[in-house]
Amino acid sequence: MDYLRRLQTEQPALFWLLIALGLFLGFQLVISLVSLLLGPLGLPSWVPIVVVVGGLVLVAFGQQRSR
């Protein structure tokens, strides 16, 4: 964590590039896993995206309620 904090202050462009890359790769990984689970059901290709975004919305609502 200390490394990321130092990177954020010393090289903010590289820090945000790494954050964006990490979020993108994480989202792709989750989409791939959901696609593997839902693939045999013969659903349209947009369903995994809806499932992932819906899951993120549920997590966000849960965090809002806990405050």
Protein backbone atom coordinates (compact mmCIF):
# COMPACT_ATOMS: atom_id res chain seq x y z
CA MET A 1 0.00 0.00 0.00
CA ASP A 2 2.83 2.38 0.83
CA TYR A 3 4.26 1.79 -2.65
CA LEU A 4 0.98 2.79 -4.29
CA ARG A 5 0.69 5.92 -2.13
CA ARG A 6 4.24 6.94 -3.05
CA LEU A 7 3.60 6.21 -6.73
CA GLN A 8 0.44 8.35 -6.60
CA THR A 9 2.35 11.37 -5.30
CA GLU A 10 5.52 10.97 -7.37
CA GLN A 11 4.11 9.78 -10.71
CA PRO A 12 0.35 10.35 -10.82
CA ALA A 13 0.02 9.60 -14.55
CA LEU A 14 1.59 6.15 -14.15
CA PHE A 15 -0.51 5.51 -11.03
CA TRP A 16 -3.79 6.25 -12.82
CA LEU A 17 -2.69 4.26 -15.86
CA LEU A 18 -2.07 1.23 -13.62
CA ILE A 19 -5.41 1.73 -11.82
CA ALA A 20 -7.28 1.93 -15.15
CA LEU A 21 -5.45 -1.13 -16.49
CA GLY A 22 -6.20 -3.10 -13.31
CA LEU A 23 -9.89 -2.21 -13.41
CA PHE A 24 -10.12 -3.12 -17.10
CA LEU A 25 -8.38 -6.46 -16.64
CA GLY A 26 -10.42 -7.26 -13.54
CA PHE A 27 -13.67 -6.48 -15.35
CA GLN A 28 -12.61 -8.65 -18.30
CA LEU A 29 -11.73 -11.53 -15.97
CA VAL A 30 -15.09 -11.37 -14.20
CA ILE A 31 -16.94 -11.16 -17.54
CA SER A 32 -15.02 -14.21 -18.78
CA LEU A 33 -15.83 -16.24 -15.68
CA VAL A 34 -19.53 -15.35 -15.87
CA SER A 35 -19.52 -16.20 -19.58
CA LEU A 36 -18.04 -19.61 -18.82
CA LEU A 37 -20.73 -20.26 -16.22
CA LEU A 38 -23.63 -19.02 -18.37
CA GLY A 39 -22.32 -20.27 -21.74
CA PRO A 40 -23.95 -23.72 -21.67
CA LEU A 41 -27.36 -22.13 -21.11
CA GLY A 42 -27.44 -20.69 -24.64
CA LEU A 43 -28.19 -17.13 -23.53
CA PRO A 44 -27.37 -14.04 -25.65
CA SER A 45 -23.83 -12.67 -25.47
CA TRP A 46 -24.86 -9.51 -23.59
CA VAL A 47 -26.22 -11.42 -20.57
CA PRO A 48 -22.83 -11.78 -18.78
CA ILE A 49 -22.34 -8.00 -18.93
CA VAL A 50 -25.78 -7.42 -17.43
CA VAL A 51 -25.08 -9.98 -14.68
CA VAL A 52 -21.74 -8.35 -13.77
CA VAL A 53 -23.10 -4.79 -13.81
CA GLY A 54 -26.15 -5.92 -11.81
CA GLY A 55 -23.85 -7.52 -9.25
CA LEU A 56 -21.83 -4.31 -8.97
CA VAL A 57 -25.03 -2.31 -8.46
CA LEU A 58 -26.14 -4.69 -5.69
CA VAL A 59 -22.78 -4.33 -3.97
CA ALA A 60 -23.01 -0.54 -4.22
CA PHE A 61 -26.52 -0.52 -2.73
CA GLY A 62 -25.34 -2.77 0.08
CA GLN A 63 -22.48 -0.40 0.88
CA GLN A 64 -24.80 2.60 0.87
CA ARG A 65 -27.13 0.94 3.39
CA SER A 66 -24.30 0.06 5.77
CA ARG A 67 -23.44 3.73 6.36
